[in-house]
Amino acid sequence: MKQAAQTLSGAQLLIVEDEFLLARDMAEYFEDRGVRIVGPVGTVRDALTLIKSCEIEVAVLDINLRGERVYPVADILKQKQIPFVFASGYGSELEPDAYAGVPRCVKPVDLAVLGRTLDDQIKRLVRDRHQ
């Protein structure tokens, strides 16, 4: 996790998760590693508001937010070229094709794996921008 901590340290991480305990655990885990947390929020509406009002550099998105899908948030993040990871209990077979390449961490989420996956997404974006 050292490399992920170096890449993520200081980054603004948006957490979109409707399960309070998991959202809190994620926030605490990443804050302990120097990441600045935006949110957490549990609705698409709140997430979209934060994206408009805050500088988001990376995000974790739960797919199902009390019956509402998070895809409008994912669409904006893709448009802005902000890397994100899905954290969900759902399998990828239910996902629209537009998100086939987005990494997913299956619940229960291993936070160290989530950190490495976010780190990989940031590195991929940086690499793609330099090509």
Protein backbone atom coordinates (compact mmCIF):
# COMPACT_ATOMS: atom_id res chain seq x y z
CA MET A 1 0.00 0.00 0.00
CA LYS A 2 3.00 2.32 0.25
CA GLN A 3 2.87 3.22 -3.46
CA ALA A 4 -0.88 3.78 -3.38
CA ALA A 5 -0.50 5.97 -0.31
CA GLN A 6 2.13 8.05 -2.12
CA THR A 7 -0.07 8.53 -5.21
CA LEU A 8 -3.28 9.14 -3.27
CA SER A 9 -1.79 11.25 -0.48
CA GLY A 10 -3.20 14.76 -0.74
CA ALA A 11 -5.75 13.78 -3.40
CA GLN A 12 -9.41 14.78 -3.07
CA LEU A 13 -11.42 11.53 -2.92
CA LEU A 14 -15.18 11.57 -3.41
CA ILE A 15 -16.90 8.71 -1.62
CA VAL A 16 -20.41 7.90 -2.83
CA GLU A 17 -21.74 5.16 -0.55
CA ASP A 18 -25.14 4.80 1.13
CA GLU A 19 -24.05 2.31 3.80
CA PHE A 20 -23.02 4.58 6.67
CA LEU A 21 -20.55 2.23 8.35
CA LEU A 22 -18.77 1.36 5.13
CA ALA A 23 -18.61 5.03 4.10
CA ARG A 24 -17.17 5.93 7.49
CA ASP A 25 -14.63 3.10 7.34
CA MET A 26 -13.52 4.17 3.86
CA ALA A 27 -13.21 7.80 4.91
CA GLU A 28 -11.17 6.94 8.01
CA TYR A 29 -8.92 4.52 6.13
CA PHE A 30 -8.05 7.02 3.41
CA GLU A 31 -7.79 10.01 5.76
CA ASP A 32 -5.20 8.03 7.76
CA ARG A 33 -3.20 7.83 4.51
CA GLY A 34 -3.26 11.55 3.83
CA VAL A 35 -6.20 11.56 1.42
CA ARG A 36 -8.65 14.47 1.61
CA ILE A 37 -12.21 13.16 1.71
CA VAL A 38 -15.10 14.78 -0.11
CA GLY A 39 -18.35 13.48 1.34
CA PRO A 40 -19.15 10.78 1.92
CA VAL A 41 -22.56 11.12 0.33
CA GLY A 42 -25.27 8.55 -0.22
CA THR A 43 -27.28 9.93 -3.14
CA VAL A 44 -26.68 10.74 -6.79
CA ARG A 45 -28.01 14.26 -6.22
CA ASP A 46 -25.56 14.98 -3.40
CA ALA A 47 -22.67 13.52 -5.39
CA LEU A 48 -23.46 15.68 -8.42
CA THR A 49 -23.62 18.75 -6.18
CA LEU A 50 -20.18 17.99 -4.75
CA ILE A 51 -18.69 17.40 -8.19
CA LYS A 52 -19.89 20.85 -9.24
CA SER A 53 -18.65 22.60 -6.11
CA CYS A 54 -15.42 20.74 -5.24
CA GLU A 55 -12.26 19.73 -7.00
CA ILE A 56 -12.53 15.94 -7.18
CA GLU A 57 -9.43 14.00 -8.22
CA VAL A 58 -10.59 10.41 -7.71
CA ALA A 59 -13.79 8.69 -6.59
CA VAL A 60 -15.29 5.52 -5.15
CA LEU A 61 -18.86 4.83 -6.27
CA ASP A 62 -21.35 2.36 -4.88
CA ILE A 63 -23.54 1.36 -7.83
CA ASN A 64 -26.87 0.97 -6.01
CA LEU A 65 -27.78 3.89 -3.76
CA ARG A 66 -31.06 2.88 -2.14
CA GLY A 67 -32.44 1.71 -5.46
CA GLU A 68 -30.95 4.53 -7.54
CA ARG A 69 -28.05 3.74 -9.88
CA VAL A 70 -24.91 5.89 -9.63
CA TYR A 71 -24.34 6.05 -13.40
CA PRO A 72 -25.13 9.78 -13.79
CA VAL A 73 -22.22 10.44 -11.41
CA ALA A 74 -19.98 8.02 -13.31
CA ASP A 75 -20.90 9.77 -16.57
CA ILE A 76 -19.78 13.17 -15.26
CA LEU A 77 -16.56 11.71 -13.83
CA LYS A 78 -15.76 10.05 -17.18
CA GLN A 79 -16.48 13.29 -19.01
CA LYS A 80 -14.14 15.19 -16.67
CA GLN A 81 -11.53 12.39 -16.90
CA ILE A 82 -11.63 11.79 -13.15
CA PRO A 83 -10.63 8.22 -12.30
CA PHE A 84 -13.07 6.17 -10.25
CA VAL A 85 -13.72 2.67 -8.98
CA PHE A 86 -17.01 0.94 -8.35
CA ALA A 87 -17.44 -0.61 -4.90
CA SER A 88 -20.48 -2.82 -5.11
CA GLY A 89 -22.12 -6.05 -4.11
CA TYR A 90 -23.32 -6.50 -7.69
CA GLY A 91 -21.51 -8.46 -10.37
CA SER A 92 -20.39 -6.68 -13.50
CA GLU A 93 -22.90 -8.61 -15.62
CA LEU A 94 -25.57 -6.04 -14.67
CA GLU A 95 -23.42 -3.08 -15.73
CA PRO A 96 -23.99 -1.11 -18.92
CA ASP A 97 -21.28 -1.66 -21.54
CA ALA A 98 -20.07 1.93 -21.08
CA TYR A 99 -18.56 0.86 -17.74
CA ALA A 100 -17.05 -2.46 -18.76
CA GLY A 101 -13.52 -1.12 -18.24
CA VAL A 102 -14.14 0.46 -14.84
CA PRO A 103 -12.53 -1.51 -12.01
CA ARG A 104 -14.76 -2.88 -9.32
CA CYS A 105 -14.10 -3.89 -5.74
CA VAL A 106 -16.73 -6.34 -4.55
CA LYS A 107 -18.29 -5.88 -1.13
CA PRO A 108 -17.24 -6.58 1.50
CA VAL A 109 -14.52 -4.21 0.31
CA ASP A 110 -10.90 -4.87 1.21
CA LEU A 111 -9.75 -1.28 1.74
CA ALA A 112 -6.12 -2.04 0.89
CA VAL A 113 -7.22 -3.52 -2.45
CA LEU A 114 -9.47 -0.52 -3.02
CA GLY A 115 -6.51 1.79 -2.39
CA ARG A 116 -4.33 -0.09 -4.86
CA THR A 117 -7.12 -0.07 -7.44
CA LEU A 118 -7.60 3.70 -7.07
CA ASP A 119 -3.84 4.14 -7.38
CA ASP A 120 -3.83 2.07 -10.58
CA GLN A 121 -6.63 4.23 -12.00
CA ILE A 122 -4.70 7.43 -11.28
CA LYS A 123 -1.54 6.02 -12.86
CA ARG A 124 -3.48 4.87 -15.93
CA LEU A 125 -5.01 8.32 -16.38
CA VAL A 126 -1.62 10.01 -16.09
CA ARG A 127 -0.12 7.53 -18.57
CA ASP A 128 -3.00 8.07 -21.04
CA ARG A 129 -2.64 11.86 -20.83
CA HIS A 130 1.05 11.61 -21.73
CA GLN A 131 0.49 9.41 -24.80
